[in-house]
Amino acid sequence: HPPIVVLLAWLRKIPALREEPSQTLSDPAQPAKNMCDAQTSCPKDTTCCFMDNDHKWGCCPLPKAVCCEDGNHCCPSGHSCEPHRSSCSRGPHVIPWFTKVSALTELGAIIDVKCDNKSSCASGTTCCKLKTGEWGCSLLPSGLHLQHADRNL
């Protein structure tokens, strides 16, 4: 058998693209979010402000913002809250104040209640052994669910 010859056309090379550092990679020194407490966070470049009226954290859409005492608004860094004018001031300059948005609850903040090494119930509920031997979850306080578990199943 004669040798098999494969002919390939020449391909012209083009210069490689110079890759710029990715803008999407976050700087390890800069966190991707601001933690307000162990359970709540605000996006990067926003400010955590406690909203007294709602008794929860809110996020001001500004970095290093001033949290206003009304509980719902904030002003840029270096400004003062002017509640009587619904605005922020810095010297003679007056701008409208910013409205806060609700902070995010961290996934790990809602801790499941472990019934055993295989079963768990949502936070705020109680594990309840059913007639079948399996675990159920009850909204009733521990002890009360035992009286009612057999009746409902």
C-alpha atoms as a PDB file:
ATOM      1  CA  HIS A   1       0.000   0.000   0.000  1.00  0.00           C
ATOM      2  CA  PRO A   2       1.258   3.432  -0.843  1.00  0.00           C
ATOM      3  CA  PRO A   3       1.410   5.853   2.136  1.00  0.00           C
ATOM      4  CA  ILE A   4      -1.664   7.987   2.678  1.00  0.00           C
ATOM      5  CA  VAL A   5      -0.909  11.640   2.178  1.00  0.00           C
ATOM      6  CA  VAL A   6      -3.151  14.248   3.729  1.00  0.00           C
ATOM      7  CA  LEU A   7      -2.935  17.729   2.315  1.00  0.00           C
ATOM      8  CA  LEU A   8      -3.927  20.617   4.510  1.00  0.00           C
ATOM      9  CA  ALA A   9      -4.170  24.183   3.375  1.00  0.00           C
ATOM     10  CA  TRP A  10      -2.020  26.720   5.165  1.00  0.00           C
ATOM     11  CA  LEU A  11      -3.894  28.815   7.680  1.00  0.00           C
ATOM     12  CA  ARG A  12      -2.954  32.392   8.281  1.00  0.00           C
ATOM     13  CA  LYS A  13      -2.265  33.242  11.925  1.00  0.00           C
ATOM     14  CA  ILE A  14      -3.771  36.301  13.471  1.00  0.00           C
ATOM     15  CA  PRO A  15      -2.436  38.095  16.544  1.00  0.00           C
ATOM     16  CA  ALA A  16      -3.792  36.903  19.875  1.00  0.00           C
ATOM     17  CA  LEU A  17      -6.126  39.181  21.774  1.00  0.00           C
ATOM     18  CA  ARG A  18      -4.646  40.928  24.756  1.00  0.00           C
ATOM     19  CA  GLU A  19      -6.881  40.141  27.680  1.00  0.00           C
ATOM     20  CA  GLU A  20      -7.642  43.031  29.956  1.00  0.00           C
ATOM     21  CA  PRO A  21      -8.040  42.323  33.658  1.00  0.00           C
ATOM     22  CA  SER A  22     -11.643  41.369  34.206  1.00  0.00           C
ATOM     23  CA  GLN A  23     -13.856  44.061  35.621  1.00  0.00           C
ATOM     24  CA  THR A  24     -16.160  41.411  37.043  1.00  0.00           C
ATOM     25  CA  LEU A  25     -13.594  39.863  39.355  1.00  0.00           C
ATOM     26  CA  SER A  26     -13.918  41.456  42.740  1.00  0.00           C
ATOM     27  CA  ASP A  27     -10.864  42.698  44.551  1.00  0.00           C
ATOM     28  CA  PRO A  28     -10.220  40.291  47.442  1.00  0.00           C
ATOM     29  CA  ALA A  29      -9.681  43.307  49.704  1.00  0.00           C
ATOM     30  CA  GLN A  30     -13.140  44.630  48.786  1.00  0.00           C
ATOM     31  CA  PRO A  31     -16.062  42.427  49.884  1.00  0.00           C
ATOM     32  CA  ALA A  32     -18.891  41.887  47.393  1.00  0.00           C
ATOM     33  CA  LYS A  33     -21.379  43.005  50.041  1.00  0.00           C
ATOM     34  CA  ASN A  34     -21.581  44.945  53.294  1.00  0.00           C
ATOM     35  CA  MET A  35     -22.641  42.923  56.314  1.00  0.00           C
ATOM     36  CA  CYS A  36     -25.065  44.882  58.513  1.00  0.00           C
ATOM     37  CA  ASP A  37     -25.065  42.146  61.163  1.00  0.00           C
ATOM     38  CA  ALA A  38     -24.648  38.361  61.120  1.00  0.00           C
ATOM     39  CA  GLN A  39     -28.003  37.850  59.361  1.00  0.00           C
ATOM     40  CA  THR A  40     -28.336  40.756  56.922  1.00  0.00           C
ATOM     41  CA  SER A  41     -26.287  42.418  54.210  1.00  0.00           C
ATOM     42  CA  CYS A  42     -26.420  45.223  51.682  1.00  0.00           C
ATOM     43  CA  PRO A  43     -24.823  45.265  48.217  1.00  0.00           C
ATOM     44  CA  LYS A  44     -21.301  46.619  47.778  1.00  0.00           C
ATOM     45  CA  ASP A  45     -21.144  50.435  47.498  1.00  0.00           C
ATOM     46  CA  THR A  46     -24.266  50.868  49.625  1.00  0.00           C
ATOM     47  CA  THR A  47     -24.591  51.684  53.333  1.00  0.00           C
ATOM     48  CA  CYS A  48     -26.380  49.685  56.036  1.00  0.00           C
ATOM     49  CA  CYS A  49     -28.855  51.848  57.967  1.00  0.00           C
ATOM     50  CA  PHE A  50     -31.151  50.549  60.699  1.00  0.00           C
ATOM     51  CA  MET A  51     -34.783  51.432  59.968  1.00  0.00           C
ATOM     52  CA  ASP A  52     -36.277  52.140  63.406  1.00  0.00           C
ATOM     53  CA  ASN A  53     -39.885  52.148  62.159  1.00  0.00           C
ATOM     54  CA  ASP A  54     -39.575  48.640  60.679  1.00  0.00           C
ATOM     55  CA  HIS A  55     -37.061  47.343  63.248  1.00  0.00           C
ATOM     56  CA  LYS A  56     -34.845  45.971  60.484  1.00  0.00           C
ATOM     57  CA  TRP A  57     -31.853  46.912  58.352  1.00  0.00           C
ATOM     58  CA  GLY A  58     -32.150  48.888  55.164  1.00  0.00           C
ATOM     59  CA  CYS A  59     -29.656  49.729  52.428  1.00  0.00           C
ATOM     60  CA  CYS A  60     -28.934  53.280  51.383  1.00  0.00           C
ATOM     61  CA  PRO A  61     -27.965  53.328  47.684  1.00  0.00           C
ATOM     62  CA  LEU A  62     -24.824  55.365  48.467  1.00  0.00           C
ATOM     63  CA  PRO A  63     -21.395  54.409  49.853  1.00  0.00           C
ATOM     64  CA  LYS A  64     -20.542  55.773  53.342  1.00  0.00           C
ATOM     65  CA  ALA A  65     -23.928  57.496  53.562  1.00  0.00           C
ATOM     66  CA  VAL A  66     -25.422  59.408  56.479  1.00  0.00           C
ATOM     67  CA  CYS A  67     -28.484  57.571  57.843  1.00  0.00           C
ATOM     68  CA  CYS A  68     -31.348  59.964  58.601  1.00  0.00           C
ATOM     69  CA  GLU A  69     -33.238  59.705  61.897  1.00  0.00           C
ATOM     70  CA  ASP A  70     -36.625  59.291  60.184  1.00  0.00           C
ATOM     71  CA  GLY A  71     -35.575  55.682  59.531  1.00  0.00           C
ATOM     72  CA  ASN A  72     -36.365  55.614  55.809  1.00  0.00           C
ATOM     73  CA  HIS A  73     -33.952  58.057  54.189  1.00  0.00           C
ATOM     74  CA  CYS A  74     -30.252  58.785  53.865  1.00  0.00           C
ATOM     75  CA  CYS A  75     -27.895  61.418  52.504  1.00  0.00           C
ATOM     76  CA  PRO A  76     -24.503  61.362  50.772  1.00  0.00           C
ATOM     77  CA  SER A  77     -21.382  61.388  52.923  1.00  0.00           C
ATOM     78  CA  GLY A  78     -20.670  64.863  54.297  1.00  0.00           C
ATOM     79  CA  HIS A  79     -24.306  65.975  54.028  1.00  0.00           C
ATOM     80  CA  SER A  80     -26.846  66.588  56.791  1.00  0.00           C
ATOM     81  CA  CYS A  81     -30.404  65.268  56.855  1.00  0.00           C
ATOM     82  CA  GLU A  82     -33.036  68.010  56.664  1.00  0.00           C
ATOM     83  CA  PRO A  83     -36.296  66.205  57.603  1.00  0.00           C
ATOM     84  CA  HIS A  84     -38.407  69.389  57.508  1.00  0.00           C
ATOM     85  CA  ARG A  85     -37.395  69.836  53.839  1.00  0.00           C
ATOM     86  CA  SER A  86     -37.167  66.104  52.929  1.00  0.00           C
ATOM     87  CA  SER A  87     -33.655  66.789  51.699  1.00  0.00           C
ATOM     88  CA  CYS A  88     -29.922  66.680  52.338  1.00  0.00           C
ATOM     89  CA  SER A  89     -27.765  69.747  52.729  1.00  0.00           C
ATOM     90  CA  ARG A  90     -24.081  70.555  52.633  1.00  0.00           C
ATOM     91  CA  GLY A  91     -23.511  74.220  53.241  1.00  0.00           C
ATOM     92  CA  PRO A  92     -25.791  76.186  50.904  1.00  0.00           C
ATOM     93  CA  HIS A  93     -26.347  73.188  48.605  1.00  0.00           C
ATOM     94  CA  VAL A  94     -29.597  71.239  49.034  1.00  0.00           C
ATOM     95  CA  ILE A  95     -30.461  67.965  47.251  1.00  0.00           C
ATOM     96  CA  PRO A  96     -33.385  65.512  47.644  1.00  0.00           C
ATOM     97  CA  TRP A  97     -32.725  62.760  50.140  1.00  0.00           C
ATOM     98  CA  PHE A  98     -32.496  59.080  49.167  1.00  0.00           C
ATOM     99  CA  THR A  99     -34.922  56.308  50.135  1.00  0.00           C
ATOM    100  CA  LYS A 100     -33.518  53.128  51.648  1.00  0.00           C
ATOM    101  CA  VAL A 101     -34.407  49.643  50.425  1.00  0.00           C
ATOM    102  CA  SER A 102     -34.664  46.464  52.519  1.00  0.00           C
ATOM    103  CA  ALA A 103     -31.461  44.613  53.301  1.00  0.00           C
ATOM    104  CA  LEU A 104     -30.932  40.995  52.200  1.00  0.00           C
ATOM    105  CA  THR A 105     -31.246  38.100  54.641  1.00  0.00           C
ATOM    106  CA  GLU A 106     -28.247  35.796  54.490  1.00  0.00           C
ATOM    107  CA  LEU A 107     -29.013  32.162  53.592  1.00  0.00           C
ATOM    108  CA  GLY A 108     -27.110  30.834  56.592  1.00  0.00           C
ATOM    109  CA  ALA A 109     -29.116  33.034  58.961  1.00  0.00           C
ATOM    110  CA  ILE A 110     -32.165  30.774  58.799  1.00  0.00           C
ATOM    111  CA  ILE A 111     -30.973  27.727  60.697  1.00  0.00           C
ATOM    112  CA  ASP A 112     -32.914  24.494  60.386  1.00  0.00           C
ATOM    113  CA  VAL A 113     -33.903  22.598  63.527  1.00  0.00           C
ATOM    114  CA  LYS A 114     -32.254  19.157  63.416  1.00  0.00           C
ATOM    115  CA  CYS A 115     -34.542  16.246  64.322  1.00  0.00           C
ATOM    116  CA  ASP A 116     -31.830  13.620  63.763  1.00  0.00           C
ATOM    117  CA  ASN A 117     -28.889  13.217  61.385  1.00  0.00           C
ATOM    118  CA  LYS A 118     -31.244  12.817  58.387  1.00  0.00           C
ATOM    119  CA  SER A 119     -34.259  15.029  59.119  1.00  0.00           C
ATOM    120  CA  SER A 120     -34.716  18.683  59.975  1.00  0.00           C
ATOM    121  CA  CYS A 121     -37.490  21.248  60.282  1.00  0.00           C
ATOM    122  CA  ALA A 122     -37.504  24.909  59.330  1.00  0.00           C
ATOM    123  CA  SER A 123     -36.388  27.539  61.808  1.00  0.00           C
ATOM    124  CA  GLY A 124     -39.244  28.445  64.165  1.00  0.00           C
ATOM    125  CA  THR A 125     -40.810  24.977  64.085  1.00  0.00           C
ATOM    126  CA  THR A 126     -40.442  21.934  66.334  1.00  0.00           C
ATOM    127  CA  CYS A 127     -39.596  18.330  65.400  1.00  0.00           C
ATOM    128  CA  CYS A 128     -42.471  15.955  66.112  1.00  0.00           C
ATOM    129  CA  LYS A 129     -42.267  12.136  65.934  1.00  0.00           C
ATOM    130  CA  LEU A 130     -45.250  10.773  63.990  1.00  0.00           C
ATOM    131  CA  LYS A 131     -47.055   7.417  64.455  1.00  0.00           C
ATOM    132  CA  THR A 132     -45.253   6.180  61.346  1.00  0.00           C
ATOM    133  CA  GLY A 133     -41.907   6.712  63.078  1.00  0.00           C
ATOM    134  CA  GLU A 134     -41.006   9.528  60.708  1.00  0.00           C
ATOM    135  CA  TRP A 135     -40.427  13.123  61.728  1.00  0.00           C
ATOM    136  CA  GLY A 136     -42.962  15.882  61.199  1.00  0.00           C
ATOM    137  CA  CYS A 137     -42.665  19.610  61.827  1.00  0.00           C
ATOM    138  CA  SER A 138     -45.017  21.556  64.064  1.00  0.00           C
ATOM    139  CA  LEU A 139     -45.582  25.264  64.601  1.00  0.00           C
ATOM    140  CA  LEU A 140     -46.761  24.493  68.151  1.00  0.00           C
ATOM    141  CA  PRO A 141     -44.298  24.758  71.051  1.00  0.00           C
ATOM    142  CA  SER A 142     -42.438  21.593  72.044  1.00  0.00           C
ATOM    143  CA  GLY A 143     -44.689  19.282  74.093  1.00  0.00           C
ATOM    144  CA  LEU A 144     -48.019  20.558  72.745  1.00  0.00           C
ATOM    145  CA  HIS A 145     -47.514  18.909  69.376  1.00  0.00           C
ATOM    146  CA  LEU A 146     -47.320  15.460  70.979  1.00  0.00           C
ATOM    147  CA  GLN A 147     -50.964  15.658  72.127  1.00  0.00           C
ATOM    148  CA  HIS A 148     -52.202  16.590  68.646  1.00  0.00           C
ATOM    149  CA  ALA A 149     -49.908  14.590  66.355  1.00  0.00           C
ATOM    150  CA  ASP A 150     -51.781  11.293  66.730  1.00  0.00           C
ATOM    151  CA  ARG A 151     -55.191  12.917  66.255  1.00  0.00           C
ATOM    152  CA  ASN A 152     -54.291  14.499  62.921  1.00  0.00           C
ATOM    153  CA  LEU A 153     -52.739  11.399  61.356  1.00  0.00           C
END
